[in-house]
C-alpha atoms as a PDB file:
ATOM      1  CA  MET A   1     -16.991  -3.831  27.685  1.00  0.00           C
ATOM      2  CA  THR A   2     -17.244  -6.470  24.520  1.00  0.00           C
ATOM      3  CA  TYR A   3     -15.929  -7.724  21.682  1.00  0.00           C
ATOM      4  CA  ALA A   4     -18.226  -6.060  19.216  1.00  0.00           C
ATOM      5  CA  THR A   5     -17.659  -2.429  21.411  1.00  0.00           C
ATOM      6  CA  GLN A   6     -13.678  -2.539  21.251  1.00  0.00           C
ATOM      7  CA  LEU A   7     -14.531  -3.575  17.395  1.00  0.00           C
ATOM      8  CA  ALA A   8     -16.442  -0.395  16.894  1.00  0.00           C
ATOM      9  CA  ALA A   9     -13.911   1.950  18.551  1.00  0.00           C
ATOM     10  CA  ILE A  10     -11.233   0.574  16.470  1.00  0.00           C
ATOM     11  CA  ALA A  11     -13.106   0.786  13.340  1.00  0.00           C
ATOM     12  CA  ALA A  12     -14.149   3.940  14.253  1.00  0.00           C
ATOM     13  CA  LEU A  13     -10.525   5.364  14.760  1.00  0.00           C
ATOM     14  CA  GLY A  14      -9.377   4.028  12.021  1.00  0.00           C
ATOM     15  CA  ALA A  15     -12.063   5.764   9.945  1.00  0.00           C
ATOM     16  CA  THR A  16     -10.025   8.907  11.142  1.00  0.00           C
ATOM     17  CA  ILE A  17      -6.652   8.313   9.069  1.00  0.00           C
ATOM     18  CA  THR A  18      -6.564  10.233   5.846  1.00  0.00           C
ATOM     19  CA  ASN A  19      -6.471   7.900   2.359  1.00  0.00           C
ATOM     20  CA  VAL A  20      -7.109   4.760   4.804  1.00  0.00           C
ATOM     21  CA  GLY A  21      -9.071   2.646   2.176  1.00  0.00           C
ATOM     22  CA  ARG A  22     -11.851   0.421   3.325  1.00  0.00           C
ATOM     23  CA  ILE A  23     -12.280  -0.798   6.783  1.00  0.00           C
ATOM     24  CA  HIS A  24     -13.900  -4.036   7.252  1.00  0.00           C
ATOM     25  CA  THR A  25     -14.866  -5.717  10.787  1.00  0.00           C
ATOM     26  CA  HIS A  26     -14.357  -8.941   9.823  1.00  0.00           C
ATOM     27  CA  PRO A  27     -12.806 -11.366   7.210  1.00  0.00           C
ATOM     28  CA  ARG A  28     -13.820 -10.637   3.523  1.00  0.00           C
ATOM     29  CA  TYR A  29     -13.530 -13.929   1.342  1.00  0.00           C
ATOM     30  CA  GLY A  30     -14.101 -13.775  -2.389  1.00  0.00           C
ATOM     31  CA  ASP A  31     -13.085 -11.578  -5.257  1.00  0.00           C
ATOM     32  CA  ALA A  32     -15.696  -9.025  -5.168  1.00  0.00           C
ATOM     33  CA  HIS A  33     -14.071  -5.693  -6.414  1.00  0.00           C
ATOM     34  CA  ASP A  34     -15.429  -3.556  -3.885  1.00  0.00           C
ATOM     35  CA  HIS A  35     -14.103  -5.294  -0.883  1.00  0.00           C
ATOM     36  CA  TRP A  36     -10.597  -4.562  -1.634  1.00  0.00           C
ATOM     37  CA  VAL A  37     -10.660  -1.444  -4.070  1.00  0.00           C
ATOM     38  CA  THR A  38     -10.790   2.435  -2.915  1.00  0.00           C
ATOM     39  CA  SER A  39     -10.627   5.838  -4.771  1.00  0.00           C
ATOM     40  CA  ILE A  40      -7.650   7.777  -3.710  1.00  0.00           C
ATOM     41  CA  ASP A  41      -7.445  11.448  -5.373  1.00  0.00           C
ATOM     42  CA  GLY A  42      -9.517   9.892  -8.105  1.00  0.00           C
ATOM     43  CA  VAL A  43      -7.430   6.916  -8.800  1.00  0.00           C
ATOM     44  CA  ASP A  44      -8.450   3.198  -7.901  1.00  0.00           C
ATOM     45  CA  VAL A  45      -6.013   1.403  -5.588  1.00  0.00           C
ATOM     46  CA  ILE A  46      -6.396  -1.441  -3.631  1.00  0.00           C
ATOM     47  CA  ARG A  47      -6.515  -0.453  -0.220  1.00  0.00           C
ATOM     48  CA  ALA A  48      -8.158  -2.475   2.371  1.00  0.00           C
ATOM     49  CA  TRP A  49      -8.076  -3.088   6.254  1.00  0.00           C
ATOM     50  CA  GLU A  50      -9.849  -6.384   8.271  1.00  0.00           C
ATOM     51  CA  ILE A  51     -10.311  -6.066  12.232  1.00  0.00           C
ATOM     52  CA  GLY A  52     -10.550  -9.068  14.243  1.00  0.00           C
ATOM     53  CA  LEU A  53      -9.124 -11.688  16.918  1.00  0.00           C
ATOM     54  CA  ASP A  54      -5.509 -12.756  16.343  1.00  0.00           C
ATOM     55  CA  GLU A  55      -4.745 -16.034  16.977  1.00  0.00           C
ATOM     56  CA  GLY A  56      -4.773 -15.947  20.945  1.00  0.00           C
ATOM     57  CA  GLY A  57      -8.552 -14.911  20.740  1.00  0.00           C
ATOM     58  CA  ILE A  58      -9.613 -13.564  24.285  1.00  0.00           C
ATOM     59  CA  ARG A  59      -7.870 -14.686  27.171  1.00  0.00           C
ATOM     60  CA  GLY A  60      -9.391 -14.387  30.467  1.00  0.00           C
ATOM     61  CA  ASP A  61      -8.066 -14.603  34.575  1.00  0.00           C
ATOM     62  CA  ARG A  62      -9.964 -14.107  37.695  1.00  0.00           C
ATOM     63  CA  VAL A  63      -9.002 -11.116  39.411  1.00  0.00           C
ATOM     64  CA  THR A  64     -11.362 -11.029  42.314  1.00  0.00           C
ATOM     65  CA  GLU A  65     -13.946 -13.377  43.536  1.00  0.00           C
ATOM     66  CA  ALA A  66     -16.660 -10.627  41.709  1.00  0.00           C
ATOM     67  CA  HIS A  67     -13.981  -9.618  38.872  1.00  0.00           C
ATOM     68  CA  ALA A  68     -12.562 -11.411  35.788  1.00  0.00           C
ATOM     69  CA  GLY A  69      -9.559  -9.702  33.300  1.00  0.00           C
ATOM     70  CA  HIS A  70     -10.466  -9.976  30.120  1.00  0.00           C
ATOM     71  CA  TYR A  71      -7.560  -9.469  27.359  1.00  0.00           C
ATOM     72  CA  TYR A  72      -8.569  -9.283  23.593  1.00  0.00           C
ATOM     73  CA  GLN A  73      -5.356  -9.814  21.382  1.00  0.00           C
ATOM     74  CA  TRP A  74      -6.531  -7.877  18.218  1.00  0.00           C
ATOM     75  CA  ARG A  75      -5.068  -8.173  14.510  1.00  0.00           C
ATOM     76  CA  ILE A  76      -5.645  -5.659  12.002  1.00  0.00           C
ATOM     77  CA  GLN A  77      -4.630  -6.841   8.381  1.00  0.00           C
ATOM     78  CA  GLY A  78      -3.432  -4.583   5.823  1.00  0.00           C
ATOM     79  CA  TYR A  79      -3.802  -4.933   2.320  1.00  0.00           C
ATOM     80  CA  VAL A  80      -2.330  -2.068   0.265  1.00  0.00           C
ATOM     81  CA  GLY A  81      -1.811  -2.366  -4.053  1.00  0.00           C
ATOM     82  CA  LEU A  82       1.698  -3.531  -5.162  1.00  0.00           C
ATOM     83  CA  ASP A  83       2.787  -0.862  -7.300  1.00  0.00           C
ATOM     84  CA  ASP A  84       6.467  -0.846  -7.616  1.00  0.00           C
ATOM     85  CA  GLU A  85       6.729   2.602  -9.598  1.00  0.00           C
ATOM     86  CA  ALA A  86       4.654   4.294  -6.881  1.00  0.00           C
ATOM     87  CA  ALA A  87       6.981   2.845  -4.028  1.00  0.00           C
ATOM     88  CA  SER A  88       3.510   1.224  -2.648  1.00  0.00           C
ATOM     89  CA  TYR A  89       5.835  -0.766   0.218  1.00  0.00           C
ATOM     90  CA  THR A  90       6.204   2.933   1.554  1.00  0.00           C
ATOM     91  CA  ASP A  91       2.295   3.412   1.869  1.00  0.00           C
ATOM     92  CA  ALA A  92       1.585   0.103   3.210  1.00  0.00           C
ATOM     93  CA  VAL A  93       4.319   0.779   6.182  1.00  0.00           C
ATOM     94  CA  THR A  94       3.283   4.486   6.648  1.00  0.00           C
ATOM     95  CA  LEU A  95      -0.587   3.413   6.744  1.00  0.00           C
ATOM     96  CA  ALA A  96       0.201   0.735   9.366  1.00  0.00           C
ATOM     97  CA  GLU A  97       2.584   3.746  11.343  1.00  0.00           C
ATOM     98  CA  ALA A  98      -0.846   6.054  11.288  1.00  0.00           C
ATOM     99  CA  TRP A  99      -2.917   2.952  12.532  1.00  0.00           C
ATOM    100  CA  ARG A 100      -0.105   2.618  15.306  1.00  0.00           C
ATOM    101  CA  ASP A 101      -0.362   6.474  15.991  1.00  0.00           C
ATOM    102  CA  ILE A 102      -4.027   6.591  16.395  1.00  0.00           C
ATOM    103  CA  LEU A 103      -4.092   3.561  18.919  1.00  0.00           C
ATOM    104  CA  GLU A 104      -1.202   4.673  20.839  1.00  0.00           C
ATOM    105  CA  ALA A 105      -3.172   8.086  20.789  1.00  0.00           C
ATOM    106  CA  ASN A 106      -6.042   6.276  22.169  1.00  0.00           C
ATOM    107  CA  PRO A 107      -5.410   2.934  24.638  1.00  0.00           C
ATOM    108  CA  THR A 108      -8.444   2.851  26.060  1.00  0.00           C
ATOM    109  CA  LEU A 109     -10.311   2.885  22.588  1.00  0.00           C
ATOM    110  CA  SER A 110     -12.771   6.022  23.678  1.00  0.00           C
ATOM    111  CA  GLY A 111     -13.448   4.045  27.193  1.00  0.00           C
ATOM    112  CA  THR A 112     -14.044   0.658  25.611  1.00  0.00           C
ATOM    113  CA  CYS A 113     -11.333  -0.827  27.506  1.00  0.00           C
ATOM    114  CA  LEU A 114      -8.849   0.030  30.217  1.00  0.00           C
ATOM    115  CA  ASP A 115      -5.912   0.143  28.364  1.00  0.00           C
ATOM    116  CA  MET A 116      -3.265  -1.728  25.816  1.00  0.00           C
ATOM    117  CA  VAL A 117      -1.105  -3.909  27.360  1.00  0.00           C
ATOM    118  CA  GLY A 118       1.800  -6.447  26.751  1.00  0.00           C
ATOM    119  CA  ASP A 119       5.058  -6.021  24.725  1.00  0.00           C
ATOM    120  CA  ASN A 120       6.380  -2.972  23.997  1.00  0.00           C
ATOM    121  CA  ALA A 121       4.334  -1.556  26.693  1.00  0.00           C
ATOM    122  CA  GLY A 122       1.217  -1.867  25.198  1.00  0.00           C
ATOM    123  CA  SER A 123       2.607  -0.537  21.673  1.00  0.00           C
ATOM    124  CA  PRO A 124       0.919  -2.339  18.540  1.00  0.00           C
ATOM    125  CA  ASP A 125       3.529  -4.411  16.755  1.00  0.00           C
ATOM    126  CA  ILE A 126       3.823  -3.811  12.757  1.00  0.00           C
ATOM    127  CA  SER A 127       4.869  -6.589  10.596  1.00  0.00           C
ATOM    128  CA  ASP A 128       7.442  -6.415   7.938  1.00  0.00           C
ATOM    129  CA  PRO A 129       5.034  -5.907   4.517  1.00  0.00           C
ATOM    130  CA  VAL A 130       5.030  -9.377   2.125  1.00  0.00           C
ATOM    131  CA  ASP A 131       3.739  -9.630  -0.995  1.00  0.00           C
ATOM    132  CA  LEU A 132       0.717 -11.537  -1.437  1.00  0.00           C
ATOM    133  CA  THR A 133      -2.214 -12.719  -4.074  1.00  0.00           C
ATOM    134  CA  ILE A 134      -6.043 -11.848  -2.679  1.00  0.00           C
ATOM    135  CA  GLY A 135      -9.003 -12.898  -4.108  1.00  0.00           C
ATOM    136  CA  GLY A 136      -9.546 -11.826  -7.395  1.00  0.00           C
ATOM    137  CA  GLY A 137      -6.079 -12.116  -7.982  1.00  0.00           C
ATOM    138  CA  PHE A 138      -4.805  -8.922  -7.162  1.00  0.00           C
ATOM    139  CA  LEU A 139      -1.299  -8.280  -6.085  1.00  0.00           C
ATOM    140  CA  CYS A 140      -0.607  -6.337  -3.065  1.00  0.00           C
ATOM    141  CA  TRP A 141       1.335  -5.824   0.006  1.00  0.00           C
ATOM    142  CA  GLY A 142       0.100  -7.573   3.063  1.00  0.00           C
ATOM    143  CA  ILE A 143       0.603  -5.914   6.020  1.00  0.00           C
ATOM    144  CA  THR A 144      -0.353  -6.976   9.711  1.00  0.00           C
ATOM    145  CA  ILE A 145      -0.774  -4.488  13.103  1.00  0.00           C
ATOM    146  CA  ARG A 146      -1.099  -6.645  16.434  1.00  0.00           C
ATOM    147  CA  PHE A 147      -1.727  -5.610  19.630  1.00  0.00           C
ATOM    148  CA  THR A 148      -3.843  -6.914  23.442  1.00  0.00           C
ATOM    149  CA  THR A 149      -6.310  -4.749  25.400  1.00  0.00           C
ATOM    150  CA  TYR A 150      -7.683  -5.667  28.868  1.00  0.00           C
ATOM    151  CA  GLU A 151     -10.683  -4.965  30.846  1.00  0.00           C
ATOM    152  CA  ILE A 152     -12.342  -5.571  34.166  1.00  0.00           C
ATOM    153  CA  ALA A 153     -15.625  -6.947  33.866  1.00  0.00           C
ATOM    154  CA  SER A 154     -17.808  -7.917  36.978  1.00  0.00           C
ATOM    155  CA  ILE A 155     -18.739 -11.650  37.498  1.00  0.00           C
ATOM    156  CA  PRO A 156     -22.437 -12.119  37.317  1.00  0.00           C
END
């Protein structure tokens, strides 16, 4: 498969998470309100996720003369509006756990890869949320989910 097919599968899985917010399949820059804010139960909140490659990118190794293994190192960067009275830290962690759970339940990303691999038997890692400011001066929790997928491809 390709980066694009796995990316689409990850986004489709994320879209099934209740109140997940906006999902972007590339980094978003700028202060456009509609990049970050969505309505949850009639209330506008910052809740957005950017899916892309992590620092390791795509690594490859030759498996046989006719096949290569490709490792896709993924990062899902979440932004959840900081609201101290509403315990938004808990919301950020709960949503990241929902991403982890949905990925663990579908480790082949709907058939677009062979499996998730790496530390923790392929289970996605979740960072500790940090407070940060995104475009437009919005204050939010930033939380990161990292995982690696594996595929074997024919060499032309």
